[in-house]
């Protein structure tokens, strides 16, 4: 499973990072982005729109143990900006 955030729709509430902090993080611009954690994939990849692409180009893999949390984050997101793709 992979996930990405459409920053144009992001409201900056941060519920995603509260629910699934291993997948989502906030930046100084007040928006949230996805990441691939080193503990799950061997290296940290922060898709922050600055050094890495934002939106669908910054799609991150979701660790197996985090799938339910990522789905919950997408369901709870007030901006409806979290998109999940099942492989």
PDB file of N, CA and C in Angstrom:
ATOM      1  N   UNK A   1       0.841  -1.177   0.000  1.00  0.00           N
ATOM      2  CA  UNK A   1       0.000   0.000   0.000  1.00  0.00           C
ATOM      3  C   UNK A   1       0.887   1.241   0.000  1.00  0.00           C
ATOM      4  N   UNK A   2       0.440   2.271  -0.720  1.00  0.00           N
ATOM      5  CA  UNK A   2       1.151   3.538  -0.769  1.00  0.00           C
ATOM      6  C   UNK A   2       0.186   4.668  -0.441  1.00  0.00           C
ATOM      7  N   UNK A   3       0.748   5.777   0.024  1.00  0.00           N
ATOM      8  CA  UNK A   3      -0.077   6.921   0.427  1.00  0.00           C
ATOM      9  C   UNK A   3       0.599   8.217   0.004  1.00  0.00           C
ATOM     10  N   UNK A   4      -0.218   9.222  -0.269  1.00  0.00           N
ATOM     11  CA  UNK A   4       0.285  10.565  -0.559  1.00  0.00           C
ATOM     12  C   UNK A   4      -0.744  11.585  -0.101  1.00  0.00           C
ATOM     13  N   UNK A   5      -0.278  12.819   0.048  1.00  0.00           N
ATOM     14  CA  UNK A   5      -1.138  13.930   0.466  1.00  0.00           C
ATOM     15  C   UNK A   5      -1.159  14.986  -0.624  1.00  0.00           C
ATOM     16  N   UNK A   6      -2.349  15.459  -0.940  1.00  0.00           N
ATOM     17  CA  UNK A   6      -2.505  16.589  -1.853  1.00  0.00           C
ATOM     18  C   UNK A   6      -2.417  17.857  -0.998  1.00  0.00           C
ATOM     19  N   UNK A   7      -1.279  18.524  -1.036  1.00  0.00           N
ATOM     20  CA  UNK A   7      -1.065  19.694  -0.186  1.00  0.00           C
ATOM     21  C   UNK A   7      -2.006  20.850  -0.532  1.00  0.00           C
ATOM     22  N   UNK A   8      -2.568  20.868  -1.725  1.00  0.00           N
ATOM     23  CA  UNK A   8      -3.532  21.907  -2.082  1.00  0.00           C
ATOM     24  C   UNK A   8      -4.825  21.760  -1.279  1.00  0.00           C
ATOM     25  N   UNK A   9      -5.112  20.558  -0.798  1.00  0.00           N
ATOM     26  CA  UNK A   9      -6.316  20.299  -0.015  1.00  0.00           C
ATOM     27  C   UNK A   9      -6.047  20.254   1.491  1.00  0.00           C
ATOM     28  N   UNK A  10      -4.779  20.159   1.885  1.00  0.00           N
ATOM     29  CA  UNK A  10      -4.411  20.007   3.288  1.00  0.00           C
ATOM     30  C   UNK A  10      -4.818  21.250   4.086  1.00  0.00           C
ATOM     31  N   UNK A  11      -5.516  21.014   5.211  1.00  0.00           N
ATOM     32  CA  UNK A  11      -5.957  22.113   6.078  1.00  0.00           C
ATOM     33  C   UNK A  11      -4.988  22.367   7.226  1.00  0.00           C
ATOM     34  N   UNK A  12      -3.971  21.516   7.377  1.00  0.00           N
ATOM     35  CA  UNK A  12      -2.968  21.707   8.415  1.00  0.00           C
ATOM     36  C   UNK A  12      -3.411  21.322   9.806  1.00  0.00           C
ATOM     37  N   UNK A  13      -4.474  20.556   9.936  1.00  0.00           N
ATOM     38  CA  UNK A  13      -4.971  20.167  11.256  1.00  0.00           C
ATOM     39  C   UNK A  13      -4.031  19.209  11.986  1.00  0.00           C
ATOM     40  N   UNK A  14      -3.308  18.392  11.263  1.00  0.00           N
ATOM     41  CA  UNK A  14      -2.331  17.498  11.880  1.00  0.00           C
ATOM     42  C   UNK A  14      -2.887  16.214  12.461  1.00  0.00           C
ATOM     43  N   UNK A  15      -4.155  15.920  12.210  1.00  0.00           N
ATOM     44  CA  UNK A  15      -4.719  14.672  12.718  1.00  0.00           C
ATOM     45  C   UNK A  15      -3.963  13.467  12.171  1.00  0.00           C
ATOM     46  N   UNK A  16      -3.513  13.556  10.936  1.00  0.00           N
ATOM     47  CA  UNK A  16      -2.793  12.431  10.321  1.00  0.00           C
ATOM     48  C   UNK A  16      -1.525  12.100  11.111  1.00  0.00           C
ATOM     49  N   UNK A  17      -0.781  13.129  11.499  1.00  0.00           N
ATOM     50  CA  UNK A  17       0.453  12.910  12.251  1.00  0.00           C
ATOM     51  C   UNK A  17       0.179  12.410  13.662  1.00  0.00           C
ATOM     52  N   UNK A  18      -0.957  12.783  14.226  1.00  0.00           N
ATOM     53  CA  UNK A  18      -1.330  12.275  15.545  1.00  0.00           C
ATOM     54  C   UNK A  18      -1.709  10.799  15.466  1.00  0.00           C
ATOM     55  N   UNK A  19      -2.413  10.419  14.405  1.00  0.00           N
ATOM     56  CA  UNK A  19      -2.890   9.044  14.252  1.00  0.00           C
ATOM     57  C   UNK A  19      -1.790   8.116  13.753  1.00  0.00           C
ATOM     58  N   UNK A  20      -0.988   8.572  12.801  1.00  0.00           N
ATOM     59  CA  UNK A  20       0.045   7.725  12.196  1.00  0.00           C
ATOM     60  C   UNK A  20       1.361   8.501  12.050  1.00  0.00           C
ATOM     61  N   UNK A  21       2.034   8.790  13.167  1.00  0.00           N
ATOM     62  CA  UNK A  21       3.256   9.603  13.112  1.00  0.00           C
ATOM     63  C   UNK A  21       4.412   8.936  12.357  1.00  0.00           C
ATOM     64  N   UNK A  22       4.358   7.619  12.182  1.00  0.00           N
ATOM     65  CA  UNK A  22       5.415   6.935  11.430  1.00  0.00           C
ATOM     66  C   UNK A  22       5.273   7.165   9.928  1.00  0.00           C
ATOM     67  N   UNK A  23       4.137   7.732   9.490  1.00  0.00           N
ATOM     68  CA  UNK A  23       3.897   7.957   8.064  1.00  0.00           C
ATOM     69  C   UNK A  23       3.727   9.426   7.712  1.00  0.00           C
ATOM     70  N   UNK A  24       3.214  10.245   8.626  1.00  0.00           N
ATOM     71  CA  UNK A  24       2.917  11.647   8.325  1.00  0.00           C
ATOM     72  C   UNK A  24       3.700  12.587   9.230  1.00  0.00           C
ATOM     73  N   UNK A  25       4.081  13.744   8.692  1.00  0.00           N
ATOM     74  CA  UNK A  25       4.780  14.759   9.486  1.00  0.00           C
ATOM     75  C   UNK A  25       4.438  16.148   8.965  1.00  0.00           C
ATOM     76  N   UNK A  26       4.523  17.135   9.853  1.00  0.00           N
ATOM     77  CA  UNK A  26       4.243  18.523   9.490  1.00  0.00           C
ATOM     78  C   UNK A  26       5.520  19.283   9.174  1.00  0.00           C
ATOM     79  N   UNK A  27       5.369  20.327   8.374  1.00  0.00           N
ATOM     80  CA  UNK A  27       6.491  21.194   8.006  1.00  0.00           C
ATOM     81  C   UNK A  27       6.190  22.616   8.454  1.00  0.00           C
ATOM     82  N   UNK A  28       7.186  23.472   8.342  1.00  0.00           N
ATOM     83  CA  UNK A  28       7.050  24.872   8.738  1.00  0.00           C
ATOM     84  C   UNK A  28       5.995  25.618   7.921  1.00  0.00           C
ATOM     85  N   UNK A  29       5.640  25.093   6.745  1.00  0.00           N
ATOM     86  CA  UNK A  29       4.627  25.745   5.924  1.00  0.00           C
ATOM     87  C   UNK A  29       3.202  25.474   6.425  1.00  0.00           C
ATOM     88  N   UNK A  30       3.081  24.682   7.519  1.00  0.00           N
ATOM     89  CA  UNK A  30       1.778  24.382   8.102  1.00  0.00           C
ATOM     90  C   UNK A  30       1.057  23.229   7.440  1.00  0.00           C
ATOM     91  N   UNK A  31       1.704  22.601   6.471  1.00  0.00           N
ATOM     92  CA  UNK A  31       1.100  21.480   5.754  1.00  0.00           C
ATOM     93  C   UNK A  31       1.734  20.168   6.196  1.00  0.00           C
ATOM     94  N   UNK A  32       1.073  19.081   5.847  1.00  0.00           N
ATOM     95  CA  UNK A  32       1.558  17.752   6.223  1.00  0.00           C
ATOM     96  C   UNK A  32       1.966  16.964   4.996  1.00  0.00           C
ATOM     97  N   UNK A  33       2.939  16.084   5.209  1.00  0.00           N
ATOM     98  CA  UNK A  33       3.565  15.316   4.141  1.00  0.00           C
ATOM     99  C   UNK A  33       3.735  13.875   4.604  1.00  0.00           C
ATOM    100  N   UNK A  34       4.149  13.012   3.681  1.00  0.00           N
ATOM    101  CA  UNK A  34       4.361  11.602   4.002  1.00  0.00           C
ATOM    102  C   UNK A  34       5.850  11.292   4.075  1.00  0.00           C
ATOM    103  N   UNK A  35       6.168  10.180   4.735  1.00  0.00           N
ATOM    104  CA  UNK A  35       7.553   9.742   4.830  1.00  0.00           C
ATOM    105  C   UNK A  35       7.607   8.225   4.821  1.00  0.00           C
ATOM    106  N   UNK A  36       8.772   7.710   4.460  1.00  0.00           N
ATOM    107  CA  UNK A  36       9.078   6.295   4.596  1.00  0.00           C
ATOM    108  C   UNK A  36      10.118   6.203   5.704  1.00  0.00           C
ATOM    109  N   UNK A  37       9.793   5.535   6.787  1.00  0.00           N
ATOM    110  CA  UNK A  37      10.671   5.465   7.948  1.00  0.00           C
ATOM    111  C   UNK A  37      11.843   4.524   7.738  1.00  0.00           C
ATOM    112  N   UNK A  38      12.994   4.916   8.229  1.00  0.00           N
ATOM    113  CA  UNK A  38      14.199   4.098   8.121  1.00  0.00           C
ATOM    114  C   UNK A  38      14.027   2.760   8.819  1.00  0.00           C
ATOM    115  N   UNK A  39      13.315   2.750   9.953  1.00  0.00           N
ATOM    116  CA  UNK A  39      13.164   1.499  10.690  1.00  0.00           C
ATOM    117  C   UNK A  39      12.373   0.458   9.900  1.00  0.00           C
ATOM    118  N   UNK A  40      11.574   0.905   8.928  1.00  0.00           N
ATOM    119  CA  UNK A  40      10.785  -0.024   8.126  1.00  0.00           C
ATOM    120  C   UNK A  40      11.388  -0.301   6.756  1.00  0.00           C
ATOM    121  N   UNK A  41      12.061   0.678   6.172  1.00  0.00           N
ATOM    122  CA  UNK A  41      12.514   0.556   4.794  1.00  0.00           C
ATOM    123  C   UNK A  41      14.016   0.769   4.595  1.00  0.00           C
ATOM    124  N   UNK A  42      14.782   0.876   5.675  1.00  0.00           N
ATOM    125  CA  UNK A  42      16.229   0.965   5.559  1.00  0.00           C
ATOM    126  C   UNK A  42      16.791   2.364   5.420  1.00  0.00           C
ATOM    127  N   UNK A  43      15.997   3.311   4.998  1.00  0.00           N
ATOM    128  CA  UNK A  43      16.433   4.703   4.932  1.00  0.00           C
ATOM    129  C   UNK A  43      15.217   5.603   5.081  1.00  0.00           C
ATOM    130  N   UNK A  44      15.460   6.781   5.594  1.00  0.00           N
ATOM    131  CA  UNK A  44      14.383   7.751   5.800  1.00  0.00           C
ATOM    132  C   UNK A  44      14.172   8.537   4.513  1.00  0.00           C
ATOM    133  N   UNK A  45      12.930   8.626   4.079  1.00  0.00           N
ATOM    134  CA  UNK A  45      12.588   9.452   2.924  1.00  0.00           C
ATOM    135  C   UNK A  45      11.483  10.399   3.361  1.00  0.00           C
ATOM    136  N   UNK A  46      11.770  11.683   3.363  1.00  0.00           N
ATOM    137  CA  UNK A  46      10.785  12.691   3.719  1.00  0.00           C
ATOM    138  C   UNK A  46      10.314  13.369   2.438  1.00  0.00           C
ATOM    139  N   UNK A  47       9.075  13.169   2.104  1.00  0.00           N
ATOM    140  CA  UNK A  47       8.518  13.771   0.902  1.00  0.00           C
ATOM    141  C   UNK A  47       7.899  15.103   1.283  1.00  0.00           C
ATOM    142  N   UNK A  48       8.744  16.126   1.366  1.00  0.00           N
ATOM    143  CA  UNK A  48       8.340  17.404   1.939  1.00  0.00           C
ATOM    144  C   UNK A  48       8.059  18.503   0.918  1.00  0.00           C
ATOM    145  N   UNK A  49       8.112  18.181  -0.347  1.00  0.00           N
ATOM    146  CA  UNK A  49       7.821  19.187  -1.358  1.00  0.00           C
ATOM    147  C   UNK A  49       8.949  20.169  -1.585  1.00  0.00           C
ATOM    148  N   UNK A  50       9.989  20.091  -0.777  1.00  0.00           N
ATOM    149  CA  UNK A  50      11.129  20.986  -0.922  1.00  0.00           C
ATOM    150  C   UNK A  50      12.304  20.196  -1.496  1.00  0.00           C
ATOM    151  N   UNK A  51      12.772  19.227  -0.729  1.00  0.00           N
ATOM    152  CA  UNK A  51      13.866  18.392  -1.205  1.00  0.00           C
ATOM    153  C   UNK A  51      13.367  17.152  -1.929  1.00  0.00           C
ATOM    154  N   UNK A  52      12.117  16.820  -1.735  1.00  0.00           N
ATOM    155  CA  UNK A  52      11.486  15.686  -2.392  1.00  0.00           C
ATOM    156  C   UNK A  52      10.118  16.134  -2.892  1.00  0.00           C
ATOM    157  N   UNK A  53       9.575  15.424  -3.874  1.00  0.00           N
ATOM    158  CA  UNK A  53       8.296  15.869  -4.433  1.00  0.00           C
ATOM    159  C   UNK A  53       7.135  15.780  -3.455  1.00  0.00           C
ATOM    160  N   UNK A  54       6.209  16.702  -3.589  1.00  0.00           N
ATOM    161  CA  UNK A  54       4.954  16.666  -2.826  1.00  0.00           C
ATOM    162  C   UNK A  54       3.893  16.024  -3.717  1.00  0.00           C
ATOM    163  N   UNK A  55       2.701  15.886  -3.188  1.00  0.00           N
ATOM    164  CA  UNK A  55       1.604  15.326  -3.964  1.00  0.00           C
ATOM    165  C   UNK A  55       1.844  13.894  -4.364  1.00  0.00           C
ATOM    166  N   UNK A  56       1.239  13.469  -5.451  1.00  0.00           N
ATOM    167  CA  UNK A  56       1.318  12.077  -5.897  1.00  0.00           C
ATOM    168  C   UNK A  56       2.745  11.653  -6.239  1.00  0.00           C
ATOM    169  N   UNK A  57       3.584  12.598  -6.659  1.00  0.00           N
ATOM    170  CA  UNK A  57       4.978  12.262  -6.979  1.00  0.00           C
ATOM    171  C   UNK A  57       5.757  11.884  -5.725  1.00  0.00           C
ATOM    172  N   UNK A  58       5.292  12.300  -4.570  1.00  0.00           N
ATOM    173  CA  UNK A  58       5.943  11.994  -3.304  1.00  0.00           C
ATOM    174  C   UNK A  58       5.289  10.840  -2.572  1.00  0.00           C
ATOM    175  N   UNK A  59       4.713   9.921  -3.305  1.00  0.00           N
ATOM    176  CA  UNK A  59       4.023   8.783  -2.711  1.00  0.00           C
ATOM    177  C   UNK A  59       4.989   7.943  -1.876  1.00  0.00           C
ATOM    178  N   UNK A  60       4.526   7.517  -0.691  1.00  0.00           N
ATOM    179  CA  UNK A  60       5.362   6.729   0.219  1.00  0.00           C
ATOM    180  C   UNK A  60       4.740   5.362   0.464  1.00  0.00           C
ATOM    181  N   UNK A  61       5.588   4.385   0.668  1.00  0.00           N
ATOM    182  CA  UNK A  61       5.111   3.054   1.039  1.00  0.00           C
ATOM    183  C   UNK A  61       4.677   3.077   2.499  1.00  0.00           C
ATOM    184  N   UNK A  62       3.664   2.281   2.814  1.00  0.00           N
ATOM    185  CA  UNK A  62       3.151   2.191   4.177  1.00  0.00           C
ATOM    186  C   UNK A  62       3.608   0.876   4.787  1.00  0.00           C
ATOM    187  N   UNK A  63       4.250   0.912   5.964  1.00  0.00           N
ATOM    188  CA  UNK A  63       4.651  -0.329   6.624  1.00  0.00           C
ATOM    189  C   UNK A  63       3.426  -1.163   6.981  1.00  0.00           C
ATOM    190  N   UNK A  64       3.559  -2.476   6.907  1.00  0.00           N
ATOM    191  CA  UNK A  64       2.424  -3.365   7.168  1.00  0.00           C
ATOM    192  C   UNK A  64       1.749  -3.087   8.502  1.00  0.00           C
ATOM    193  N   UNK A  65       2.516  -2.804   9.532  1.00  0.00           N
ATOM    194  CA  UNK A  65       1.949  -2.555  10.849  1.00  0.00           C
ATOM    195  C   UNK A  65       1.236  -1.221  10.982  1.00  0.00           C
ATOM    196  N   UNK A  66       1.315  -0.382   9.962  1.00  0.00           N
ATOM    197  CA  UNK A  66       0.722   0.955  10.020  1.00  0.00           C
ATOM    198  C   UNK A  66      -0.479   1.118   9.110  1.00  0.00           C
ATOM    199  N   UNK A  67      -0.860   0.085   8.405  1.00  0.00           N
ATOM    200  CA  UNK A  67      -1.937   0.201   7.418  1.00  0.00           C
ATOM    201  C   UNK A  67      -3.236   0.696   8.043  1.00  0.00           C
ATOM    202  N   UNK A  68      -3.650   0.110   9.154  1.00  0.00           N
ATOM    203  CA  UNK A  68      -4.911   0.525   9.786  1.00  0.00           C
ATOM    204  C   UNK A  68      -4.864   1.983  10.228  1.00  0.00           C
ATOM    205  N   UNK A  69      -3.734   2.419  10.771  1.00  0.00           N
ATOM    206  CA  UNK A  69      -3.603   3.811  11.227  1.00  0.00           C
ATOM    207  C   UNK A  69      -3.658   4.776  10.041  1.00  0.00           C
ATOM    208  N   UNK A  70      -3.039   4.413   8.927  1.00  0.00           N
ATOM    209  CA  UNK A  70      -3.046   5.281   7.746  1.00  0.00           C
ATOM    210  C   UNK A  70      -4.465   5.381   7.181  1.00  0.00           C
ATOM    211  N   UNK A  71      -5.180   4.276   7.147  1.00  0.00           N
ATOM    212  CA  UNK A  71      -6.572   4.299   6.682  1.00  0.00           C
ATOM    213  C   UNK A  71      -7.421   5.179   7.609  1.00  0.00           C
ATOM    214  N   UNK A  72      -7.225   5.043   8.919  1.00  0.00           N
ATOM    215  CA  UNK A  72      -7.957   5.875   9.874  1.00  0.00           C
ATOM    216  C   UNK A  72      -7.634   7.354   9.662  1.00  0.00           C
ATOM    217  N   UNK A  73      -6.355   7.663   9.446  1.00  0.00           N
ATOM    218  CA  UNK A  73      -5.955   9.055   9.213  1.00  0.00           C
ATOM    219  C   UNK A  73      -6.653   9.613   7.977  1.00  0.00           C
ATOM    220  N   UNK A  74      -6.732   8.819   6.926  1.00  0.00           N
ATOM    221  CA  UNK A  74      -7.402   9.263   5.698  1.00  0.00           C
ATOM    222  C   UNK A  74      -8.886   9.496   5.945  1.00  0.00           C
ATOM    223  N   UNK A  75      -9.508   8.623   6.724  1.00  0.00           N
ATOM    224  CA  UNK A  75     -10.934   8.766   7.018  1.00  0.00           C
ATOM    225  C   UNK A  75     -11.224   9.973   7.902  1.00  0.00           C
ATOM    226  N   UNK A  76     -10.320  10.291   8.828  1.00  0.00           N
ATOM    227  CA  UNK A  76     -10.524  11.389   9.772  1.00  0.00           C
ATOM    228  C   UNK A  76     -10.078  12.751   9.240  1.00  0.00           C
ATOM    229  N   UNK A  77      -9.338  12.771   8.166  1.00  0.00           N
ATOM    230  CA  UNK A  77      -8.782  14.018   7.633  1.00  0.00           C
ATOM    231  C   UNK A  77      -9.885  14.993   7.221  1.00  0.00           C
ATOM    232  N   UNK A  78      -9.934  16.198   7.839  1.00  0.00           N
ATOM    233  CA  UNK A  78     -10.987  17.157   7.489  1.00  0.00           C
ATOM    234  C   UNK A  78     -10.833  17.723   6.073  1.00  0.00           C
ATOM    235  N   UNK A  79      -9.615  17.723   5.547  1.00  0.00           N
ATOM    236  CA  UNK A  79      -9.387  18.237   4.195  1.00  0.00           C
ATOM    237  C   UNK A  79      -9.564  17.187   3.115  1.00  0.00           C
ATOM    238  N   UNK A  80      -9.782  15.941   3.528  1.00  0.00           N
ATOM    239  CA  UNK A  80      -9.907  14.817   2.594  1.00  0.00           C
ATOM    240  C   UNK A  80      -8.776  14.829   1.562  1.00  0.00           C
ATOM    241  N   UNK A  81      -7.555  15.030   2.067  1.00  0.00           N
ATOM    242  CA  UNK A  81      -6.411  15.195   1.175  1.00  0.00           C
ATOM    243  C   UNK A  81      -5.467  13.993   1.144  1.00  0.00           C
ATOM    244  N   UNK A  82      -5.783  12.950   1.903  1.00  0.00           N
ATOM    245  CA  UNK A  82      -4.924  11.772   1.967  1.00  0.00           C
ATOM    246  C   UNK A  82      -5.449  10.726   1.001  1.00  0.00           C
ATOM    247  N   UNK A  83      -4.580  10.290   0.103  1.00  0.00           N
ATOM    248  CA  UNK A  83      -4.962   9.336  -0.921  1.00  0.00           C
ATOM    249  C   UNK A  83      -4.156   8.051  -0.771  1.00  0.00           C
ATOM    250  N   UNK A  84      -4.853   6.936  -0.830  1.00  0.00           N
ATOM    251  CA  UNK A  84      -4.243   5.616  -0.631  1.00  0.00           C
ATOM    252  C   UNK A  84      -4.351   4.836  -1.930  1.00  0.00           C
ATOM    253  N   UNK A  85      -3.251   4.174  -2.279  1.00  0.00           N
ATOM    254  CA  UNK A  85      -3.245   3.279  -3.436  1.00  0.00           C
ATOM    255  C   UNK A  85      -2.837   1.895  -2.966  1.00  0.00           C
ATOM    256  N   UNK A  86      -3.639   0.919  -3.324  1.00  0.00           N
ATOM    257  CA  UNK A  86      -3.356  -0.473  -2.953  1.00  0.00           C
ATOM    258  C   UNK A  86      -2.655  -1.132  -4.121  1.00  0.00           C
ATOM    259  N   UNK A  87      -1.549  -1.772  -3.817  1.00  0.00           N
ATOM    260  CA  UNK A  87      -0.778  -2.417  -4.877  1.00  0.00           C
ATOM    261  C   UNK A  87      -1.316  -3.782  -5.184  1.00  0.00           C
TER     262      UNK A  87
END
